[in-house]
Amino acid sequence: MARIEGVPAGRAGLLVRIAYWMSRRMVGKVPEPLAVTAHHGWIFRAYGAYEYALAKARLVEPKIKALAGVKAAAQIGCPF
């Protein structure tokens, strides 16, 4: 659990609501880092750009990227 509460969808701007909708569609819920970074517009857009670039990267096979993500999440105790 983060020390900072995330921005609820009711108080979020249009870009944040779109990102929430997309993340719910892709992951099933809104990830906590996305909700927390929504407090600051510049950080939110930079985080979104980073995630987009990471998803589009093609130097490593998708299976290996997924395996690395699962391993990293397991090491830090992340539920994703």
Protein backbone atom coordinates (compact mmCIF):
# COMPACT_ATOMS: atom_id res chain seq x y z
CA MET A 1 0.00 0.00 0.00
CA ALA A 2 1.28 3.44 -0.93
CA ARG A 3 1.71 6.18 1.63
CA ILE A 4 -0.12 8.54 -0.73
CA GLU A 5 -3.73 7.85 -1.69
CA GLY A 6 -4.39 7.63 -5.42
CA VAL A 7 -6.61 10.06 -7.29
CA PRO A 8 -10.19 8.71 -7.38
CA ALA A 9 -11.83 8.50 -10.80
CA GLY A 10 -14.43 11.08 -9.79
CA ARG A 11 -11.78 13.76 -9.20
CA ALA A 12 -9.56 12.80 -12.12
CA GLY A 13 -9.17 14.76 -15.32
CA LEU A 14 -10.00 13.45 -18.78
CA LEU A 15 -6.54 12.02 -19.54
CA VAL A 16 -6.41 10.23 -16.19
CA ARG A 17 -9.91 8.78 -16.64
CA ILE A 18 -8.90 7.47 -20.08
CA ALA A 19 -5.79 5.89 -18.58
CA TYR A 20 -7.86 4.35 -15.77
CA TRP A 21 -10.29 2.90 -18.32
CA MET A 22 -7.45 1.47 -20.42
CA SER A 23 -5.71 -0.06 -17.40
CA ARG A 24 -8.96 -1.61 -16.15
CA ARG A 25 -9.48 -3.06 -19.60
CA MET A 26 -5.93 -4.43 -19.86
CA VAL A 27 -5.17 -5.44 -16.25
CA GLY A 28 -8.58 -5.67 -14.60
CA LYS A 29 -7.98 -2.85 -12.11
CA VAL A 30 -6.17 0.45 -11.81
CA PRO A 31 -2.55 -0.13 -10.70
CA GLU A 32 -1.59 1.85 -7.61
CA PRO A 33 1.42 3.60 -9.22
CA LEU A 34 -0.86 4.93 -11.94
CA ALA A 35 -3.34 6.34 -9.42
CA VAL A 36 -0.58 7.90 -7.29
CA THR A 37 1.23 9.53 -10.21
CA ALA A 38 -2.09 11.06 -11.32
CA HIS A 39 -1.58 13.74 -8.63
CA HIS A 40 1.00 15.48 -10.82
CA GLY A 41 0.35 15.92 -14.54
CA TRP A 42 3.96 15.96 -15.73
CA ILE A 43 4.91 12.87 -13.76
CA PHE A 44 1.74 11.11 -14.90
CA ARG A 45 2.51 11.79 -18.57
CA ALA A 46 6.15 10.73 -18.14
CA TYR A 47 5.07 7.51 -16.42
CA GLY A 48 2.60 6.84 -19.24
CA ALA A 49 5.27 7.49 -21.88
CA TYR A 50 7.66 5.13 -20.10
CA GLU A 51 5.06 2.36 -19.91
CA TYR A 52 4.16 2.88 -23.57
CA ALA A 53 7.80 2.72 -24.67
CA LEU A 54 8.36 -0.38 -22.54
CA ALA A 55 5.38 -2.10 -24.15
CA LYS A 56 6.61 -1.21 -27.65
CA ALA A 57 10.20 -2.37 -27.09
CA ARG A 58 11.02 -5.30 -29.34
CA LEU A 59 14.66 -6.17 -28.56
CA VAL A 60 13.62 -8.90 -26.12
CA GLU A 61 10.95 -11.54 -26.75
CA PRO A 62 7.58 -10.82 -25.09
CA LYS A 63 7.74 -14.09 -23.13
CA ILE A 64 11.08 -13.13 -21.59
CA LYS A 65 9.83 -9.61 -20.75
CA ALA A 66 6.80 -11.11 -19.02
CA LEU A 67 8.96 -13.59 -17.12
CA ALA A 68 11.29 -10.79 -15.98
CA GLY A 69 8.29 -8.72 -14.85
CA VAL A 70 6.88 -11.61 -12.84
CA LYS A 71 10.26 -12.32 -11.24
CA ALA A 72 10.79 -8.66 -10.30
CA ALA A 73 7.25 -8.43 -8.87
CA ALA A 74 7.80 -11.60 -6.83
CA GLN A 75 11.03 -10.25 -5.38
CA ILE A 76 9.47 -7.02 -4.15
CA GLY A 77 6.14 -8.54 -3.14
CA CYS A 78 4.01 -6.78 -5.76
CA PRO A 79 0.59 -8.37 -6.41
CA PHE A 80 0.80 -7.77 -10.17
